[in-house]
Amino acid sequence: MKLPIFTDEPGWQGAQLKLAFAKRGVDASFVSLQDCVIDLSLPKPSIVIPGFECAPPAAFVRGVAGGTLPQVITRLNILHMLSSVGVRIYNDVRAIERTVDKAMTSFLLRRHEVATPATWVCESRAQIALIRERALQNNMQLVMKPLFGSQGQGVRKLLVHEPLPVPMQQYVDGVYYLQQYIESADISHDYRVFVIGNQVVAAMRRLGDGFVNNVAAGGRCEFVIPDKPMATLALAAAKAVDIDYCGIDIIRAKDGTYSVLEVNSIPAWRGLQSVTTCNIAEMLVDDFLSKLVEVRS
């Protein structure tokens, strides 16, 4: 069986996936969504995937490259169209859309009563000024994040008297996403919990020099066994966004309570793999193939 791994930069994670697929007798090849063609020239529409004569039974999404709005919509449309003709997409494209947009993630977490910091999203600078004023009155520190972003890029504390960034400034892009800052229980750290197929498979503590603890930003990794409240929260978050697998960022406040900061639908796991004995790539591939069997049966 031959299946595509959609990605533009295979990297270490891609290589691990390809090896795990090979161990299961699957020929996995890397394909860029940018190279696919939506062919509507014949009565029956088709998606042309380089290296594939016909639509594969399934596809693993390892990355969706950024770009202009039309480019991103086209890449996601390719996944939607493949799904509509029976190709099992992993993660499901709707789950990717729900989690790449931090506002939608925060909305779904709140709607499903999953603990997450107070969050505000809007375009209006006047409304943001009011939000900042109320936060100041409640002694609440705010963090500003890009609506679409990963690996901790563009995440920063918004100081009380700091001028609000202009709408088109980098990492703002016309939309302000503000979140309550949760101070961790002791030294600056948070947790990454990896969920596959509604099961917590591994977790780590991430320690940074500042309040951003992402591994890509220099955070250090320590293996942890999640306690029951953390594991329960992680599973509830995965269920809220209805996803096959994900990396969930969780923080523990000084009072001992946990909150979900983000849900990542295309998570990196190199740092986590360095501190755990389970083979994450093989677990992903096994879950992926088991879902393919379910679809076929």
C-alpha atoms as a PDB file:
ATOM      1  CA  MET A   1       0.000   0.000   0.000  1.00  0.00           C
ATOM      2  CA  LYS A   2       1.209   3.485  -0.865  1.00  0.00           C
ATOM      3  CA  LEU A   3       0.110   6.556   1.069  1.00  0.00           C
ATOM      4  CA  PRO A   4       1.072  10.243   1.025  1.00  0.00           C
ATOM      5  CA  ILE A   5       2.434  12.254   3.933  1.00  0.00           C
ATOM      6  CA  PHE A   6       1.485  15.850   3.202  1.00  0.00           C
ATOM      7  CA  THR A   7       4.328  18.133   4.236  1.00  0.00           C
ATOM      8  CA  ASP A   8       6.703  20.707   2.773  1.00  0.00           C
ATOM      9  CA  GLU A   9       9.500  20.104   5.281  1.00  0.00           C
ATOM     10  CA  PRO A  10       9.677  16.412   6.300  1.00  0.00           C
ATOM     11  CA  GLY A  11      12.439  16.997   8.853  1.00  0.00           C
ATOM     12  CA  TRP A  12      13.062  14.614  11.724  1.00  0.00           C
ATOM     13  CA  GLN A  13       9.382  13.940  12.438  1.00  0.00           C
ATOM     14  CA  GLY A  14       8.705  13.120   8.790  1.00  0.00           C
ATOM     15  CA  ALA A  15      11.631  10.720   8.671  1.00  0.00           C
ATOM     16  CA  GLN A  16      10.370   8.959  11.789  1.00  0.00           C
ATOM     17  CA  LEU A  17       6.903   8.606  10.291  1.00  0.00           C
ATOM     18  CA  LYS A  18       8.261   7.227   7.020  1.00  0.00           C
ATOM     19  CA  LEU A  19      10.320   4.655   8.937  1.00  0.00           C
ATOM     20  CA  ALA A  20       7.321   3.678  11.073  1.00  0.00           C
ATOM     21  CA  PHE A  21       5.173   3.236   7.970  1.00  0.00           C
ATOM     22  CA  ALA A  22       7.889   1.096   6.345  1.00  0.00           C
ATOM     23  CA  LYS A  23       7.924  -1.191   9.390  1.00  0.00           C
ATOM     24  CA  ARG A  24       4.181  -1.725   8.810  1.00  0.00           C
ATOM     25  CA  GLY A  25       4.694  -2.515   5.140  1.00  0.00           C
ATOM     26  CA  VAL A  26       3.409   0.837   3.894  1.00  0.00           C
ATOM     27  CA  ASP A  27       5.231   2.889   1.267  1.00  0.00           C
ATOM     28  CA  ALA A  28       4.784   6.459   2.495  1.00  0.00           C
ATOM     29  CA  SER A  29       5.964   9.300   0.275  1.00  0.00           C
ATOM     30  CA  PHE A  30       6.242  12.997   1.045  1.00  0.00           C
ATOM     31  CA  VAL A  31       3.990  15.257  -1.008  1.00  0.00           C
ATOM     32  CA  SER A  32       3.540  19.018  -0.874  1.00  0.00           C
ATOM     33  CA  LEU A  33      -0.036  20.275  -1.023  1.00  0.00           C
ATOM     34  CA  GLN A  34       1.348  23.066  -3.204  1.00  0.00           C
ATOM     35  CA  ASP A  35       2.111  20.503  -5.912  1.00  0.00           C
ATOM     36  CA  CYS A  36      -1.388  19.013  -5.980  1.00  0.00           C
ATOM     37  CA  VAL A  37      -3.899  20.005  -8.655  1.00  0.00           C
ATOM     38  CA  ILE A  38      -7.668  20.377  -8.389  1.00  0.00           C
ATOM     39  CA  ASP A  39      -8.687  18.993 -11.797  1.00  0.00           C
ATOM     40  CA  LEU A  40     -12.215  19.987 -12.780  1.00  0.00           C
ATOM     41  CA  SER A  41     -11.804  19.482 -16.518  1.00  0.00           C
ATOM     42  CA  LEU A  42     -13.791  16.233 -16.641  1.00  0.00           C
ATOM     43  CA  PRO A  43     -17.316  15.361 -15.483  1.00  0.00           C
ATOM     44  CA  LYS A  44     -15.881  13.611 -12.413  1.00  0.00           C
ATOM     45  CA  PRO A  45     -13.687  16.020 -10.380  1.00  0.00           C
ATOM     46  CA  SER A  46     -10.348  14.760  -9.144  1.00  0.00           C
ATOM     47  CA  ILE A  47      -7.350  15.792  -7.073  1.00  0.00           C
ATOM     48  CA  VAL A  48      -4.049  15.075  -8.772  1.00  0.00           C
ATOM     49  CA  ILE A  49      -1.431  14.026  -6.211  1.00  0.00           C
ATOM     50  CA  PRO A  50       2.123  13.776  -7.597  1.00  0.00           C
ATOM     51  CA  GLY A  51       3.276  10.153  -7.564  1.00  0.00           C
ATOM     52  CA  PHE A  52      -0.254   8.732  -7.277  1.00  0.00           C
ATOM     53  CA  GLU A  53      -2.271   7.544 -10.266  1.00  0.00           C
ATOM     54  CA  CYS A  54      -5.513   7.655  -8.304  1.00  0.00           C
ATOM     55  CA  ALA A  55      -6.752   8.819  -4.938  1.00  0.00           C
ATOM     56  CA  PRO A  56      -5.086   6.925  -2.065  1.00  0.00           C
ATOM     57  CA  PRO A  57      -7.219   5.337   0.654  1.00  0.00           C
ATOM     58  CA  ALA A  58      -5.785   7.709   3.245  1.00  0.00           C
ATOM     59  CA  ALA A  59      -3.289  10.527   3.810  1.00  0.00           C
ATOM     60  CA  PHE A  60      -1.274  11.667   6.822  1.00  0.00           C
ATOM     61  CA  VAL A  61      -1.054  15.455   7.252  1.00  0.00           C
ATOM     62  CA  ARG A  62       2.290  16.416   8.751  1.00  0.00           C
ATOM     63  CA  GLY A  63       2.168  20.065   7.729  1.00  0.00           C
ATOM     64  CA  VAL A  64       0.151  22.715   5.924  1.00  0.00           C
ATOM     65  CA  ALA A  65       2.437  25.514   4.792  1.00  0.00           C
ATOM     66  CA  GLY A  66       1.497  29.111   5.437  1.00  0.00           C
ATOM     67  CA  GLY A  67       0.956  31.585   2.644  1.00  0.00           C
ATOM     68  CA  THR A  68      -1.564  34.083   1.362  1.00  0.00           C
ATOM     69  CA  LEU A  69      -5.207  33.570   2.301  1.00  0.00           C
ATOM     70  CA  PRO A  70      -6.047  32.114  -1.164  1.00  0.00           C
ATOM     71  CA  GLN A  71      -3.068  29.741  -0.924  1.00  0.00           C
ATOM     72  CA  VAL A  72      -4.003  28.457   2.531  1.00  0.00           C
ATOM     73  CA  ILE A  73      -7.670  28.065   1.556  1.00  0.00           C
ATOM     74  CA  THR A  74      -6.653  26.122  -1.568  1.00  0.00           C
ATOM     75  CA  ARG A  75      -4.446  23.755   0.431  1.00  0.00           C
ATOM     76  CA  LEU A  76      -7.185  23.123   2.956  1.00  0.00           C
ATOM     77  CA  ASN A  77      -9.713  22.717   0.137  1.00  0.00           C
ATOM     78  CA  ILE A  78      -7.567  19.946  -1.327  1.00  0.00           C
ATOM     79  CA  LEU A  79      -7.831  18.103   1.983  1.00  0.00           C
ATOM     80  CA  HIS A  80     -11.587  18.755   2.151  1.00  0.00           C
ATOM     81  CA  MET A  81     -12.062  17.497  -1.404  1.00  0.00           C
ATOM     82  CA  LEU A  82     -10.019  14.372  -0.789  1.00  0.00           C
ATOM     83  CA  SER A  83     -12.053  13.686   2.330  1.00  0.00           C
ATOM     84  CA  SER A  84     -15.297  14.144   0.372  1.00  0.00           C
ATOM     85  CA  VAL A  85     -14.295  11.412  -2.100  1.00  0.00           C
ATOM     86  CA  GLY A  86     -13.495   8.928   0.669  1.00  0.00           C
ATOM     87  CA  VAL A  87      -9.831   9.557   1.474  1.00  0.00           C
ATOM     88  CA  ARG A  88      -9.269   9.254   5.248  1.00  0.00           C
ATOM     89  CA  ILE A  89      -7.364  12.393   6.274  1.00  0.00           C
ATOM     90  CA  TYR A  90      -5.351  12.221   9.512  1.00  0.00           C
ATOM     91  CA  ASN A  91      -5.724  14.617  11.297  1.00  0.00           C
ATOM     92  CA  ASP A  92      -9.109  15.401   9.839  1.00  0.00           C
ATOM     93  CA  VAL A  93      -8.962  18.727   8.023  1.00  0.00           C
ATOM     94  CA  ARG A  94     -11.822  20.137  10.104  1.00  0.00           C
ATOM     95  CA  ALA A  95      -9.859  19.378  13.264  1.00  0.00           C
ATOM     96  CA  ILE A  96      -6.825  21.131  11.784  1.00  0.00           C
ATOM     97  CA  GLU A  97      -8.949  24.195  11.023  1.00  0.00           C
ATOM     98  CA  ARG A  98     -10.436  24.198  14.524  1.00  0.00           C
ATOM     99  CA  THR A  99      -7.030  24.136  16.206  1.00  0.00           C
ATOM    100  CA  VAL A 100      -4.869  26.253  13.924  1.00  0.00           C
ATOM    101  CA  ASP A 101      -7.242  29.107  14.806  1.00  0.00           C
ATOM    102  CA  LYS A 102      -6.611  29.888  18.490  1.00  0.00           C
ATOM    103  CA  ALA A 103      -9.910  31.761  18.782  1.00  0.00           C
ATOM    104  CA  MET A 104     -11.925  28.747  17.669  1.00  0.00           C
ATOM    105  CA  THR A 105      -9.903  26.463  19.946  1.00  0.00           C
ATOM    106  CA  SER A 106     -10.553  28.732  22.933  1.00  0.00           C
ATOM    107  CA  PHE A 107     -14.249  28.934  22.031  1.00  0.00           C
ATOM    108  CA  LEU A 108     -14.616  25.138  21.837  1.00  0.00           C
ATOM    109  CA  LEU A 109     -12.738  24.621  25.096  1.00  0.00           C
ATOM    110  CA  ARG A 110     -15.037  27.095  26.873  1.00  0.00           C
ATOM    111  CA  ARG A 111     -18.136  25.667  25.243  1.00  0.00           C
ATOM    112  CA  HIS A 112     -17.231  22.179  26.473  1.00  0.00           C
ATOM    113  CA  GLU A 113     -16.328  23.500  29.940  1.00  0.00           C
ATOM    114  CA  VAL A 114     -12.626  22.670  29.622  1.00  0.00           C
ATOM    115  CA  ALA A 115     -10.541  24.873  31.920  1.00  0.00           C
ATOM    116  CA  THR A 116      -8.668  27.490  29.903  1.00  0.00           C
ATOM    117  CA  PRO A 117      -7.503  31.070  30.655  1.00  0.00           C
ATOM    118  CA  ALA A 118      -9.818  34.027  30.099  1.00  0.00           C
ATOM    119  CA  THR A 119      -9.449  35.051  26.451  1.00  0.00           C
ATOM    120  CA  TRP A 120     -10.556  37.918  24.223  1.00  0.00           C
ATOM    121  CA  VAL A 121     -10.406  38.169  20.432  1.00  0.00           C
ATOM    122  CA  CYS A 122     -11.344  41.195  18.329  1.00  0.00           C
ATOM    123  CA  GLU A 123     -10.166  43.647  15.690  1.00  0.00           C
ATOM    124  CA  SER A 124     -11.215  46.848  17.453  1.00  0.00           C
ATOM    125  CA  ARG A 125      -8.468  48.793  19.199  1.00  0.00           C
ATOM    126  CA  ALA A 126     -11.143  50.648  21.181  1.00  0.00           C
ATOM    127  CA  GLN A 127     -12.565  47.377  22.505  1.00  0.00           C
ATOM    128  CA  ILE A 128      -9.082  46.096  23.338  1.00  0.00           C
ATOM    129  CA  ALA A 129      -8.435  49.297  25.307  1.00  0.00           C
ATOM    130  CA  LEU A 130     -11.530  48.568  27.418  1.00  0.00           C
ATOM    131  CA  ILE A 131     -10.455  44.968  27.934  1.00  0.00           C
ATOM    132  CA  ARG A 132      -7.013  46.090  29.062  1.00  0.00           C
ATOM    133  CA  GLU A 133      -8.562  48.586  31.472  1.00  0.00           C
ATOM    134  CA  ARG A 134     -10.770  45.901  33.051  1.00  0.00           C
ATOM    135  CA  ALA A 135      -7.807  43.552  33.286  1.00  0.00           C
ATOM    136  CA  LEU A 136      -5.802  46.255  35.053  1.00  0.00           C
ATOM    137  CA  GLN A 137      -8.624  46.818  37.547  1.00  0.00           C
ATOM    138  CA  ASN A 138      -8.637  43.076  38.290  1.00  0.00           C
ATOM    139  CA  ASN A 139      -4.819  42.886  38.568  1.00  0.00           C
ATOM    140  CA  MET A 140      -4.757  40.576  35.567  1.00  0.00           C
ATOM    141  CA  GLN A 141      -1.640  40.288  33.406  1.00  0.00           C
ATOM    142  CA  LEU A 142      -2.400  39.763  29.710  1.00  0.00           C
ATOM    143  CA  VAL A 143      -0.504  37.790  27.089  1.00  0.00           C
ATOM    144  CA  MET A 144      -0.786  38.613  23.405  1.00  0.00           C
ATOM    145  CA  LYS A 145      -0.494  35.805  20.850  1.00  0.00           C
ATOM    146  CA  PRO A 146      -0.771  35.597  17.071  1.00  0.00           C
ATOM    147  CA  LEU A 147      -4.125  34.111  16.100  1.00  0.00           C
ATOM    148  CA  PHE A 148      -2.321  31.751  13.729  1.00  0.00           C
ATOM    149  CA  GLY A 149       1.088  30.743  15.013  1.00  0.00           C
ATOM    150  CA  SER A 150       3.129  28.000  16.610  1.00  0.00           C
ATOM    151  CA  GLN A 151       6.333  27.220  18.500  1.00  0.00           C
ATOM    152  CA  GLY A 152       5.888  30.236  20.758  1.00  0.00           C
ATOM    153  CA  GLN A 153       6.638  32.754  18.022  1.00  0.00           C
ATOM    154  CA  GLY A 154       5.160  36.188  18.644  1.00  0.00           C
ATOM    155  CA  VAL A 155       3.912  35.321  22.153  1.00  0.00           C
ATOM    156  CA  ARG A 156       4.592  38.119  24.628  1.00  0.00           C
ATOM    157  CA  LYS A 157       3.287  39.759  27.767  1.00  0.00           C
ATOM    158  CA  LEU A 158       1.368  42.952  27.097  1.00  0.00           C
ATOM    159  CA  LEU A 159       2.628  45.396  29.694  1.00  0.00           C
ATOM    160  CA  VAL A 160       0.173  47.755  31.384  1.00  0.00           C
ATOM    161  CA  HIS A 161       1.331  51.002  29.776  1.00  0.00           C
ATOM    162  CA  GLU A 162       2.727  49.473  26.577  1.00  0.00           C
ATOM    163  CA  PRO A 163       1.232  50.962  23.391  1.00  0.00           C
ATOM    164  CA  LEU A 164      -1.001  48.507  21.571  1.00  0.00           C
ATOM    165  CA  PRO A 165       0.721  47.161  18.438  1.00  0.00           C
ATOM    166  CA  VAL A 166      -0.622  48.505  15.167  1.00  0.00           C
ATOM    167  CA  PRO A 167      -3.079  46.182  13.387  1.00  0.00           C
ATOM    168  CA  MET A 168      -0.722  45.139  10.607  1.00  0.00           C
ATOM    169  CA  GLN A 169       2.327  44.625  12.808  1.00  0.00           C
ATOM    170  CA  GLN A 170       3.975  41.210  12.598  1.00  0.00           C
ATOM    171  CA  TYR A 171       2.178  38.563  14.709  1.00  0.00           C
ATOM    172  CA  VAL A 172      -0.920  40.781  14.957  1.00  0.00           C
ATOM    173  CA  ASP A 173      -2.166  40.815  11.357  1.00  0.00           C
ATOM    174  CA  GLY A 174      -5.285  42.819  12.130  1.00  0.00           C
ATOM    175  CA  VAL A 175      -6.660  40.623  14.945  1.00  0.00           C
ATOM    176  CA  TYR A 176      -5.847  40.896  18.644  1.00  0.00           C
ATOM    177  CA  TYR A 177      -5.850  37.665  20.659  1.00  0.00           C
ATOM    178  CA  LEU A 178      -5.344  38.331  24.357  1.00  0.00           C
ATOM    179  CA  GLN A 179      -5.214  35.727  27.079  1.00  0.00           C
ATOM    180  CA  GLN A 180      -4.946  35.895  30.837  1.00  0.00           C
ATOM    181  CA  TYR A 181      -1.412  35.145  32.009  1.00  0.00           C
ATOM    182  CA  ILE A 182      -1.323  32.166  34.359  1.00  0.00           C
ATOM    183  CA  GLU A 183       1.734  32.104  36.564  1.00  0.00           C
ATOM    184  CA  SER A 184       3.016  28.560  37.045  1.00  0.00           C
ATOM    185  CA  ALA A 185       3.244  27.003  40.477  1.00  0.00           C
ATOM    186  CA  ASP A 186       7.028  27.336  40.884  1.00  0.00           C
ATOM    187  CA  ILE A 187       9.740  27.972  38.286  1.00  0.00           C
ATOM    188  CA  SER A 188       8.474  28.949  34.840  1.00  0.00           C
ATOM    189  CA  HIS A 189       7.184  25.835  33.118  1.00  0.00           C
ATOM    190  CA  ASP A 190       4.223  24.231  31.443  1.00  0.00           C
ATOM    191  CA  TYR A 191       3.348  20.753  30.204  1.00  0.00           C
ATOM    192  CA  ARG A 192       2.964  19.133  26.798  1.00  0.00           C
ATOM    193  CA  VAL A 193       0.606  16.163  26.878  1.00  0.00           C
ATOM    194  CA  PHE A 194       0.417  13.990  23.768  1.00  0.00           C
ATOM    195  CA  VAL A 195      -2.927  12.363  23.009  1.00  0.00           C
ATOM    196  CA  ILE A 196      -3.413   9.691  20.339  1.00  0.00           C
ATOM    197  CA  GLY A 197      -6.739   7.962  19.757  1.00  0.00           C
ATOM    198  CA  ASN A 198      -8.299   9.328  22.961  1.00  0.00           C
ATOM    199  CA  GLN A 199      -5.400   8.099  25.085  1.00  0.00           C
ATOM    200  CA  VAL A 200      -2.622  10.009  26.813  1.00  0.00           C
ATOM    201  CA  VAL A 201       0.551   8.359  25.516  1.00  0.00           C
ATOM    202  CA  ALA A 202       3.304  10.641  26.849  1.00  0.00           C
ATOM    203  CA  ALA A 203       3.899  13.911  28.648  1.00  0.00           C
ATOM    204  CA  MET A 204       6.719  16.242  29.550  1.00  0.00           C
ATOM    205  CA  ARG A 205       7.415  19.353  31.556  1.00  0.00           C
ATOM    206  CA  ARG A 206       8.851  22.218  29.509  1.00  0.00           C
ATOM    207  CA  LEU A 207      11.096  24.693  31.289  1.00  0.00           C
ATOM    208  CA  GLY A 208      12.143  27.956  29.659  1.00  0.00           C
ATOM    209  CA  ASP A 209      14.277  30.912  30.649  1.00  0.00           C
ATOM    210  CA  GLY A 210      11.250  33.182  30.288  1.00  0.00           C
ATOM    211  CA  PHE A 211       7.527  32.528  30.369  1.00  0.00           C
ATOM    212  CA  VAL A 212       7.561  30.961  26.861  1.00  0.00           C
ATOM    213  CA  ASN A 213       8.552  27.333  27.333  1.00  0.00           C
ATOM    214  CA  ASN A 214       8.245  25.887  23.825  1.00  0.00           C
ATOM    215  CA  VAL A 215      11.062  23.525  22.849  1.00  0.00           C
ATOM    216  CA  ALA A 216      11.518  25.486  19.609  1.00  0.00           C
ATOM    217  CA  ALA A 217      12.120  28.587  21.763  1.00  0.00           C
ATOM    218  CA  GLY A 218      14.788  26.837  23.834  1.00  0.00           C
ATOM    219  CA  GLY A 219      12.629  25.132  26.436  1.00  0.00           C
ATOM    220  CA  ARG A 220      14.138  22.129  28.240  1.00  0.00           C
ATOM    221  CA  CYS A 221      12.264  18.847  28.477  1.00  0.00           C
ATOM    222  CA  GLU A 222      11.659  16.633  31.499  1.00  0.00           C
ATOM    223  CA  PHE A 223       9.672  13.406  31.485  1.00  0.00           C
ATOM    224  CA  VAL A 224       6.569  13.397  33.671  1.00  0.00           C
ATOM    225  CA  ILE A 225       3.760  10.988  34.382  1.00  0.00           C
ATOM    226  CA  PRO A 226       0.597  13.112  34.267  1.00  0.00           C
ATOM    227  CA  ASP A 227      -1.590  12.869  37.333  1.00  0.00           C
ATOM    228  CA  LYS A 228      -5.273  12.083  36.925  1.00  0.00           C
ATOM    229  CA  PRO A 229      -6.502  15.722  36.779  1.00  0.00           C
ATOM    230  CA  MET A 230      -3.960  16.596  34.067  1.00  0.00           C
ATOM    231  CA  ALA A 231      -4.725  13.490  32.004  1.00  0.00           C
ATOM    232  CA  THR A 232      -8.468  14.022  32.376  1.00  0.00           C
ATOM    233  CA  LEU A 233      -8.140  17.647  31.266  1.00  0.00           C
ATOM    234  CA  ALA A 234      -6.023  16.691  28.244  1.00  0.00           C
ATOM    235  CA  LEU A 235      -8.550  14.099  27.106  1.00  0.00           C
ATOM    236  CA  ALA A 236     -11.404  16.557  27.589  1.00  0.00           C
ATOM    237  CA  ALA A 237      -9.566  19.116  25.441  1.00  0.00           C
ATOM    238  CA  ALA A 238      -8.963  16.575  22.665  1.00  0.00           C
ATOM    239  CA  LYS A 239     -12.630  15.599  22.769  1.00  0.00           C
ATOM    240  CA  ALA A 240     -13.726  19.251  22.658  1.00  0.00           C
ATOM    241  CA  VAL A 241     -11.948  19.824  19.338  1.00  0.00           C
ATOM    242  CA  ASP A 242     -12.773  16.297  18.058  1.00  0.00           C
ATOM    243  CA  ILE A 243      -9.306  15.301  16.916  1.00  0.00           C
ATOM    244  CA  ASP A 244      -7.379  12.096  16.109  1.00  0.00           C
ATOM    245  CA  TYR A 245      -4.163  13.131  17.842  1.00  0.00           C
ATOM    246  CA  CYS A 246      -2.748  16.315  19.292  1.00  0.00           C
ATOM    247  CA  GLY A 247      -0.230  17.954  21.567  1.00  0.00           C
ATOM    248  CA  ILE A 248      -1.945  19.811  24.392  1.00  0.00           C
ATOM    249  CA  ASP A 249      -0.206  22.599  26.295  1.00  0.00           C
ATOM    250  CA  ILE A 250      -1.272  22.731  29.932  1.00  0.00           C
ATOM    251  CA  ILE A 251      -0.218  24.979  32.790  1.00  0.00           C
ATOM    252  CA  ARG A 252      -0.588  24.455  36.532  1.00  0.00           C
ATOM    253  CA  ALA A 253      -1.402  27.605  38.474  1.00  0.00           C
ATOM    254  CA  LYS A 254      -0.152  28.422  41.957  1.00  0.00           C
ATOM    255  CA  ASP A 255      -3.393  27.119  43.457  1.00  0.00           C
ATOM    256  CA  GLY A 256      -2.749  23.719  41.856  1.00  0.00           C
ATOM    257  CA  THR A 257      -5.435  23.929  39.180  1.00  0.00           C
ATOM    258  CA  TYR A 258      -4.689  23.094  35.544  1.00  0.00           C
ATOM    259  CA  SER A 259      -5.664  25.058  32.441  1.00  0.00           C
ATOM    260  CA  VAL A 260      -5.312  24.276  28.753  1.00  0.00           C
ATOM    261  CA  LEU A 261      -3.314  26.913  26.906  1.00  0.00           C
ATOM    262  CA  GLU A 262      -3.388  25.486  23.375  1.00  0.00           C
ATOM    263  CA  VAL A 263      -4.244  22.396  21.341  1.00  0.00           C
ATOM    264  CA  ASN A 264      -1.847  21.576  18.504  1.00  0.00           C
ATOM    265  CA  SER A 265      -3.137  19.486  15.585  1.00  0.00           C
ATOM    266  CA  ILE A 266       0.242  19.170  13.851  1.00  0.00           C
ATOM    267  CA  PRO A 267       2.496  18.943  16.897  1.00  0.00           C
ATOM    268  CA  ALA A 268       6.232  18.445  16.905  1.00  0.00           C
ATOM    269  CA  TRP A 269       7.344  15.625  19.183  1.00  0.00           C
ATOM    270  CA  ARG A 270      11.128  15.517  18.919  1.00  0.00           C
ATOM    271  CA  GLY A 271      11.564  17.036  22.369  1.00  0.00           C
ATOM    272  CA  LEU A 272       9.001  14.713  23.886  1.00  0.00           C
ATOM    273  CA  GLN A 273      10.547  11.691  22.176  1.00  0.00           C
ATOM    274  CA  SER A 274      13.899  12.559  23.765  1.00  0.00           C
ATOM    275  CA  VAL A 275      12.489  11.973  27.261  1.00  0.00           C
ATOM    276  CA  THR A 276      10.091   9.077  26.723  1.00  0.00           C
ATOM    277  CA  THR A 277      10.660   5.422  25.834  1.00  0.00           C
ATOM    278  CA  CYS A 278       7.525   4.918  23.719  1.00  0.00           C
ATOM    279  CA  ASN A 279       7.933   5.365  19.965  1.00  0.00           C
ATOM    280  CA  ILE A 280       5.548   8.213  19.180  1.00  0.00           C
ATOM    281  CA  ALA A 281       5.832   7.903  15.394  1.00  0.00           C
ATOM    282  CA  GLU A 282       4.946   4.203  15.537  1.00  0.00           C
ATOM    283  CA  MET A 283       2.008   4.902  17.835  1.00  0.00           C
ATOM    284  CA  LEU A 284       0.732   7.542  15.412  1.00  0.00           C
ATOM    285  CA  VAL A 285       1.087   5.217  12.446  1.00  0.00           C
ATOM    286  CA  ASP A 286      -0.634   2.353  14.277  1.00  0.00           C
ATOM    287  CA  ASP A 287      -3.568   4.583  15.217  1.00  0.00           C
ATOM    288  CA  PHE A 288      -3.747   5.969  11.687  1.00  0.00           C
ATOM    289  CA  LEU A 289      -3.786   2.496  10.126  1.00  0.00           C
ATOM    290  CA  SER A 290      -6.352   1.226  12.622  1.00  0.00           C
ATOM    291  CA  LYS A 291      -8.704   4.036  11.577  1.00  0.00           C
ATOM    292  CA  LEU A 292      -8.127   3.151   7.944  1.00  0.00           C
ATOM    293  CA  VAL A 293      -9.157  -0.439   8.681  1.00  0.00           C
ATOM    294  CA  GLU A 294     -12.304   0.864  10.400  1.00  0.00           C
ATOM    295  CA  VAL A 295     -13.209   2.906   7.326  1.00  0.00           C
ATOM    296  CA  ARG A 296     -12.689  -0.056   4.994  1.00  0.00           C
ATOM    297  CA  SER A 297     -14.741  -2.411   7.129  1.00  0.00           C
END
